[in-house]
């Protein structure tokens, strides 16, 4: 598993068109947790692994794909829909 950073969470949430409150509800975390994660910017998230995974899974369920660091930088994108 690659490291998830705050900017990835923020970008993923924007792609999924979710508010912080909507993401928090989908991930069963407090909205302040989402705010704190996004506030880390380019820093590695310091939340518990379970919390990070819940937020990441909620975003993945909304159609977002997390792109690992592979020389080009970590990122996010929307999954391609069925053709």
N, C-alpha and C. Protein backbone atom coordinates (compact mmCIF):
# COMPACT_ATOMS: atom_id res chain seq x y z
N UNK A 1 0.84 -1.18 0.00
CA UNK A 1 0.00 0.00 0.00
C UNK A 1 0.88 1.24 0.00
N UNK A 2 0.56 2.18 -0.87
CA UNK A 2 1.34 3.41 -0.92
C UNK A 2 0.86 4.37 0.17
N UNK A 3 1.66 5.36 0.45
CA UNK A 3 1.30 6.35 1.45
C UNK A 3 0.27 7.30 0.85
N UNK A 4 -0.77 7.56 1.59
CA UNK A 4 -1.79 8.51 1.15
C UNK A 4 -1.50 9.85 1.80
N UNK A 5 -1.57 10.91 0.99
CA UNK A 5 -1.29 12.24 1.51
C UNK A 5 -2.56 13.09 1.48
N UNK A 6 -2.56 14.15 2.28
CA UNK A 6 -3.73 15.00 2.41
C UNK A 6 -4.24 15.56 1.10
N UNK A 7 -3.32 15.98 0.23
CA UNK A 7 -3.75 16.54 -1.05
C UNK A 7 -4.47 15.50 -1.91
N UNK A 8 -4.10 14.23 -1.78
CA UNK A 8 -4.81 13.18 -2.52
C UNK A 8 -6.25 13.08 -2.04
N UNK A 9 -6.45 13.13 -0.74
CA UNK A 9 -7.80 13.05 -0.18
C UNK A 9 -8.63 14.23 -0.68
N UNK A 10 -8.06 15.42 -0.63
CA UNK A 10 -8.78 16.63 -1.05
C UNK A 10 -9.12 16.56 -2.54
N UNK A 11 -8.15 16.16 -3.36
CA UNK A 11 -8.38 16.07 -4.81
C UNK A 11 -9.40 14.98 -5.13
N UNK A 12 -9.30 13.86 -4.44
CA UNK A 12 -10.23 12.75 -4.66
C UNK A 12 -11.65 13.17 -4.30
N UNK A 13 -11.78 13.88 -3.21
CA UNK A 13 -13.10 14.35 -2.78
C UNK A 13 -13.69 15.31 -3.81
N UNK A 14 -12.85 16.18 -4.36
CA UNK A 14 -13.32 17.12 -5.39
C UNK A 14 -13.77 16.37 -6.64
N UNK A 15 -12.99 15.37 -7.06
CA UNK A 15 -13.36 14.58 -8.24
C UNK A 15 -14.69 13.86 -8.03
N UNK A 16 -14.90 13.38 -6.82
CA UNK A 16 -16.13 12.65 -6.50
C UNK A 16 -17.31 13.59 -6.23
N UNK A 17 -17.02 14.89 -6.20
CA UNK A 17 -18.03 15.91 -5.94
C UNK A 17 -18.74 15.68 -4.60
N UNK A 18 -17.92 15.41 -3.58
CA UNK A 18 -18.43 15.20 -2.23
C UNK A 18 -18.00 16.36 -1.34
N UNK A 19 -18.87 16.76 -0.43
CA UNK A 19 -18.47 17.73 0.59
C UNK A 19 -17.67 16.98 1.65
N UNK A 20 -17.01 17.72 2.51
CA UNK A 20 -16.30 17.07 3.61
C UNK A 20 -17.26 16.29 4.48
N UNK A 21 -18.44 16.85 4.72
CA UNK A 21 -19.44 16.17 5.55
C UNK A 21 -19.94 14.89 4.88
N UNK A 22 -20.14 14.93 3.57
CA UNK A 22 -20.60 13.74 2.85
C UNK A 22 -19.55 12.63 2.88
N UNK A 23 -18.28 13.02 2.69
CA UNK A 23 -17.21 12.02 2.75
C UNK A 23 -17.11 11.44 4.15
N UNK A 24 -17.19 12.29 5.15
CA UNK A 24 -17.12 11.82 6.54
C UNK A 24 -18.23 10.81 6.82
N UNK A 25 -19.43 11.12 6.37
CA UNK A 25 -20.56 10.20 6.59
C UNK A 25 -20.35 8.88 5.86
N UNK A 26 -19.86 8.95 4.62
CA UNK A 26 -19.64 7.73 3.84
C UNK A 26 -18.56 6.86 4.45
N UNK A 27 -17.58 7.49 5.11
CA UNK A 27 -16.46 6.76 5.71
C UNK A 27 -16.69 6.45 7.19
N UNK A 28 -17.79 6.91 7.73
CA UNK A 28 -18.10 6.74 9.17
C UNK A 28 -17.00 7.32 10.05
N UNK A 29 -16.57 8.54 9.71
CA UNK A 29 -15.60 9.27 10.53
C UNK A 29 -16.17 10.66 10.79
N UNK A 30 -15.58 11.37 11.73
CA UNK A 30 -16.00 12.72 12.05
C UNK A 30 -15.53 13.66 10.96
N UNK A 31 -16.32 14.68 10.65
CA UNK A 31 -15.94 15.65 9.62
C UNK A 31 -14.62 16.34 9.98
N UNK A 32 -14.34 16.51 11.27
CA UNK A 32 -13.06 17.11 11.67
C UNK A 32 -11.88 16.22 11.28
N UNK A 33 -12.10 14.92 11.21
CA UNK A 33 -11.05 14.00 10.76
C UNK A 33 -10.72 14.25 9.30
N UNK A 34 -11.75 14.42 8.48
CA UNK A 34 -11.53 14.72 7.05
C UNK A 34 -10.81 16.05 6.91
N UNK A 35 -11.24 17.05 7.66
CA UNK A 35 -10.57 18.37 7.60
C UNK A 35 -9.10 18.25 7.98
N UNK A 36 -8.82 17.50 9.03
CA UNK A 36 -7.44 17.33 9.48
C UNK A 36 -6.60 16.60 8.44
N UNK A 37 -7.18 15.57 7.82
CA UNK A 37 -6.45 14.83 6.78
C UNK A 37 -6.11 15.76 5.61
N UNK A 38 -7.09 16.50 5.14
CA UNK A 38 -6.86 17.40 4.02
C UNK A 38 -5.88 18.50 4.39
N UNK A 39 -5.88 18.91 5.65
CA UNK A 39 -4.99 19.95 6.11
C UNK A 39 -3.52 19.55 6.14
N UNK A 40 -3.26 18.25 5.99
CA UNK A 40 -1.86 17.77 5.97
C UNK A 40 -1.17 18.14 4.67
N UNK A 41 -1.92 18.52 3.64
CA UNK A 41 -1.32 18.92 2.37
C UNK A 41 -0.46 17.82 1.78
N UNK A 42 0.82 18.12 1.61
CA UNK A 42 1.73 17.13 1.02
C UNK A 42 2.36 16.22 2.06
N UNK A 43 1.97 16.40 3.31
CA UNK A 43 2.50 15.53 4.37
C UNK A 43 1.78 14.20 4.42
N UNK A 44 2.49 13.20 4.86
CA UNK A 44 1.89 11.87 5.02
C UNK A 44 0.86 11.95 6.14
N UNK A 45 -0.26 11.29 5.95
CA UNK A 45 -1.32 11.32 6.95
C UNK A 45 -0.88 10.63 8.23
N UNK A 46 -1.27 11.22 9.35
CA UNK A 46 -0.90 10.66 10.65
C UNK A 46 -2.09 10.01 11.35
N UNK A 47 -3.24 9.99 10.69
CA UNK A 47 -4.40 9.32 11.27
C UNK A 47 -4.13 7.83 11.34
N UNK A 48 -4.92 7.13 12.14
CA UNK A 48 -4.77 5.69 12.24
C UNK A 48 -5.03 5.02 10.89
N UNK A 49 -4.38 3.90 10.66
CA UNK A 49 -4.50 3.18 9.40
C UNK A 49 -5.95 2.84 9.09
N UNK A 50 -6.70 2.41 10.09
CA UNK A 50 -8.10 2.06 9.87
C UNK A 50 -8.89 3.26 9.35
N UNK A 51 -8.64 4.43 9.93
CA UNK A 51 -9.34 5.64 9.51
C UNK A 51 -8.97 6.02 8.09
N UNK A 52 -7.68 5.97 7.77
CA UNK A 52 -7.23 6.29 6.41
C UNK A 52 -7.87 5.34 5.40
N UNK A 53 -7.89 4.06 5.73
CA UNK A 53 -8.47 3.07 4.82
C UNK A 53 -9.97 3.29 4.64
N UNK A 54 -10.67 3.65 5.69
CA UNK A 54 -12.11 3.90 5.56
C UNK A 54 -12.38 5.08 4.63
N UNK A 55 -11.60 6.14 4.77
CA UNK A 55 -11.77 7.31 3.90
C UNK A 55 -11.40 6.95 2.47
N UNK A 56 -10.29 6.25 2.30
CA UNK A 56 -9.86 5.86 0.96
C UNK A 56 -10.90 4.94 0.30
N UNK A 57 -11.42 3.99 1.04
CA UNK A 57 -12.44 3.07 0.48
C UNK A 57 -13.72 3.81 0.12
N UNK A 58 -14.11 4.78 0.92
CA UNK A 58 -15.31 5.57 0.61
C UNK A 58 -15.12 6.34 -0.70
N UNK A 59 -13.92 6.87 -0.89
CA UNK A 59 -13.64 7.59 -2.13
C UNK A 59 -13.57 6.64 -3.32
N UNK A 60 -12.99 5.47 -3.11
CA UNK A 60 -12.95 4.47 -4.18
C UNK A 60 -14.36 4.02 -4.55
N UNK A 61 -15.23 3.88 -3.56
CA UNK A 61 -16.62 3.51 -3.83
C UNK A 61 -17.34 4.60 -4.62
N UNK A 62 -16.86 5.84 -4.51
CA UNK A 62 -17.44 6.96 -5.25
C UNK A 62 -16.83 7.09 -6.65
N UNK A 63 -15.95 6.15 -7.02
CA UNK A 63 -15.40 6.13 -8.37
C UNK A 63 -14.00 6.69 -8.53
N UNK A 64 -13.32 6.95 -7.42
CA UNK A 64 -11.97 7.51 -7.48
C UNK A 64 -10.94 6.40 -7.39
N UNK A 65 -9.88 6.53 -8.16
CA UNK A 65 -8.76 5.58 -8.12
C UNK A 65 -7.53 6.31 -7.60
N UNK A 66 -6.87 5.73 -6.62
CA UNK A 66 -5.64 6.31 -6.09
C UNK A 66 -4.46 5.80 -6.91
N UNK A 67 -3.61 6.72 -7.35
CA UNK A 67 -2.46 6.38 -8.19
C UNK A 67 -1.22 6.42 -7.30
N UNK A 68 -0.46 5.33 -7.24
CA UNK A 68 0.72 5.29 -6.37
C UNK A 68 1.86 6.16 -6.90
N UNK A 69 2.74 6.49 -5.99
CA UNK A 69 3.98 7.19 -6.35
C UNK A 69 4.81 6.24 -7.19
N UNK A 70 5.12 6.63 -8.40
CA UNK A 70 5.93 5.77 -9.27
C UNK A 70 6.85 6.62 -10.13
N UNK A 71 7.43 7.61 -9.51
CA UNK A 71 8.33 8.49 -10.23
C UNK A 71 7.65 9.74 -10.74
N UNK A 72 6.33 9.67 -10.93
CA UNK A 72 5.59 10.82 -11.43
C UNK A 72 4.79 11.51 -10.35
N UNK A 73 4.83 10.99 -9.16
CA UNK A 73 4.08 11.57 -8.06
C UNK A 73 2.76 10.86 -7.84
N UNK A 74 2.37 10.75 -6.60
CA UNK A 74 1.10 10.12 -6.25
C UNK A 74 -0.04 11.02 -6.70
N UNK A 75 -1.18 10.41 -6.98
CA UNK A 75 -2.32 11.21 -7.43
C UNK A 75 -3.62 10.45 -7.34
N UNK A 76 -4.64 11.01 -7.97
CA UNK A 76 -5.96 10.38 -8.03
C UNK A 76 -6.56 10.66 -9.40
N UNK A 77 -7.51 9.81 -9.78
CA UNK A 77 -8.25 10.03 -11.02
C UNK A 77 -9.59 9.30 -10.90
N UNK A 78 -10.52 9.68 -11.75
CA UNK A 78 -11.79 8.96 -11.80
C UNK A 78 -11.60 7.70 -12.60
N UNK A 79 -12.21 6.62 -12.13
CA UNK A 79 -12.16 5.37 -12.90
C UNK A 79 -12.98 5.54 -14.17
N UNK A 80 -12.53 4.93 -15.20
CA UNK A 80 -13.24 4.97 -16.47
C UNK A 80 -14.51 4.14 -16.33
N UNK A 81 -15.62 4.70 -16.75
CA UNK A 81 -16.90 4.00 -16.66
C UNK A 81 -17.02 2.94 -17.73
N UNK A 82 -18.04 2.12 -17.66
CA UNK A 82 -18.25 1.08 -18.67
C UNK A 82 -18.53 1.71 -20.03
N UNK A 83 -18.03 1.09 -21.05
CA UNK A 83 -18.22 1.63 -22.40
C UNK A 83 -19.38 1.01 -23.09
